Amino acid sequence: MPKLVPVRPHDLDVCGDMYKFYCPACGECHWVAVGPRSVWLQNLRWQFNGDFDKPTINPSVLVTRKMPNGETRCHTFVREGRIQYLSDCTHALAGQTVDLPEFPKELENE
């Protein structure tokens, strides 16, 4: 199973090419839109090296969520199949680098 998987959005002309990876710190998928067709996420375009087993995604990926007890933050670099969690993350893996896990089969259709 690859570590980065393509996502099939409803409208490819609006979304462009999208991919997702599993974040072990958050226990969920993080999504990125790649390439010039990404109109919907106009300010959030990433570059992808094309390697689904050892992906590199540029620039960093920042995911924030408003929660009843405050905001959660996951800020990462994905480089050559490894996730570097930056120190501004609010979870236990902040400041650590781990191997990007294989994408969980049960989450493929999410």
Protein backbone atom coordinates (compact mmCIF):
# COMPACT_ATOMS: atom_id res chain seq x y z
CA MET A 1 0.00 0.00 0.00
CA PRO A 2 1.40 3.46 -0.85
CA LYS A 3 1.96 6.17 1.74
CA LEU A 4 0.28 8.92 -0.30
CA VAL A 5 -2.93 8.28 -2.22
CA PRO A 6 -4.82 10.30 -4.84
CA VAL A 7 -8.22 11.72 -3.98
CA ARG A 8 -10.99 11.92 -6.58
CA PRO A 9 -12.85 15.16 -5.82
CA HIS A 10 -16.26 15.79 -7.35
CA ASP A 11 -15.00 18.55 -9.63
CA LEU A 12 -11.41 18.13 -10.84
CA ASP A 13 -11.50 21.46 -12.71
CA VAL A 14 -12.11 23.27 -9.44
CA CYS A 15 -9.96 21.23 -7.08
CA GLY A 16 -7.03 20.18 -9.27
CA ASP A 17 -5.06 17.10 -8.29
CA MET A 18 -5.53 16.15 -4.65
CA TYR A 19 -3.70 13.67 -2.45
CA LYS A 20 -3.97 12.54 1.14
CA PHE A 21 -1.68 10.95 3.68
CA TYR A 22 -2.31 9.44 7.10
CA CYS A 23 -1.02 11.45 10.04
CA PRO A 24 -0.25 9.16 13.00
CA ALA A 25 -0.17 12.12 15.42
CA CYS A 26 -3.71 13.23 14.55
CA GLY A 27 -5.08 9.77 13.72
CA GLU A 28 -6.61 11.07 10.49
CA CYS A 29 -5.92 12.03 6.87
CA HIS A 30 -4.38 15.33 5.81
CA TRP A 31 -5.13 16.51 2.25
CA VAL A 32 -3.10 18.60 -0.18
CA ALA A 33 -4.03 20.14 -3.56
CA VAL A 34 -1.25 20.01 -6.14
CA GLY A 35 -0.66 21.95 -9.32
CA PRO A 36 -1.94 24.96 -11.19
CA ARG A 37 -5.56 23.75 -11.56
CA SER A 38 -6.23 24.24 -7.87
CA VAL A 39 -8.65 27.18 -7.98
CA TRP A 40 -10.66 26.15 -4.93
CA LEU A 41 -7.56 26.17 -2.72
CA GLN A 42 -5.96 29.05 -4.56
CA ASN A 43 -3.49 29.98 -1.85
CA LEU A 44 -2.75 26.41 -0.85
CA ARG A 45 -0.94 24.75 -3.75
CA TRP A 46 1.68 22.19 -2.98
CA GLN A 47 4.31 20.49 -5.09
CA PHE A 48 4.64 16.70 -5.03
CA ASN A 49 7.70 14.76 -6.22
CA GLY A 50 5.56 11.99 -7.79
CA ASP A 51 6.84 9.20 -5.49
CA PHE A 52 3.89 7.59 -3.68
CA ASP A 53 6.14 5.50 -1.42
CA LYS A 54 8.64 8.22 -0.48
CA PRO A 55 6.68 11.42 -1.09
CA THR A 56 8.03 14.91 -0.68
CA ILE A 57 5.44 17.70 -0.45
CA ASN A 58 6.37 21.38 -0.52
CA PRO A 59 5.77 23.71 1.25
CA SER A 60 4.79 22.62 4.77
CA VAL A 61 1.32 21.29 5.57
CA LEU A 62 -0.61 23.11 8.31
CA VAL A 63 -3.87 21.70 9.68
CA THR A 64 -5.77 23.54 12.42
CA ARG A 65 -9.06 22.70 14.05
CA LYS A 66 -11.26 24.70 16.42
CA MET A 67 -12.20 22.54 19.37
CA PRO A 68 -14.33 23.31 22.45
CA ASN A 69 -11.16 23.43 24.59
CA GLY A 70 -9.10 25.49 22.09
CA GLU A 71 -7.37 25.08 18.75
CA THR A 72 -5.39 22.03 17.67
CA ARG A 73 -2.49 22.44 15.27
CA CYS A 74 -0.51 19.97 13.16
CA HIS A 75 2.32 21.57 11.17
CA THR A 76 4.55 19.26 9.15
CA PHE A 77 7.06 18.84 6.40
CA VAL A 78 6.78 15.62 4.38
CA ARG A 79 10.22 14.78 2.99
CA GLU A 80 11.30 11.54 1.30
CA GLY A 81 8.66 9.46 3.05
CA ARG A 82 9.13 10.94 6.51
CA ILE A 83 6.97 13.39 8.48
CA GLN A 84 8.80 16.13 10.34
CA TYR A 85 6.46 17.56 12.97
CA LEU A 86 7.34 21.16 13.73
CA SER A 87 7.57 22.44 17.30
CA ASP A 88 4.35 24.48 16.98
CA CYS A 89 2.22 21.30 16.83
CA THR A 90 -0.15 20.79 19.76
CA HIS A 91 0.16 16.99 19.87
CA ALA A 92 2.64 14.54 21.38
CA LEU A 93 4.80 14.21 18.23
CA ALA A 94 5.72 17.93 18.13
CA GLY A 95 9.41 18.31 17.29
CA GLN A 96 9.82 14.69 16.16
CA THR A 97 10.38 13.06 12.76
CA VAL A 98 8.76 9.70 11.96
CA ASP A 99 8.37 7.47 8.93
CA LEU A 100 5.20 8.17 6.97
CA PRO A 101 3.03 5.08 7.55
CA GLU A 102 1.39 3.13 4.76
CA PHE A 103 -2.03 4.55 4.05
CA PRO A 104 -4.68 2.57 6.01
CA LYS A 105 -6.88 0.60 3.62
CA GLU A 106 -9.97 1.31 5.73
CA LEU A 107 -9.56 5.07 5.12
CA GLU A 108 -9.19 4.90 1.33
CA ASN A 109 -12.82 5.97 0.68
CA GLU A 110 -12.90 8.84 3.20
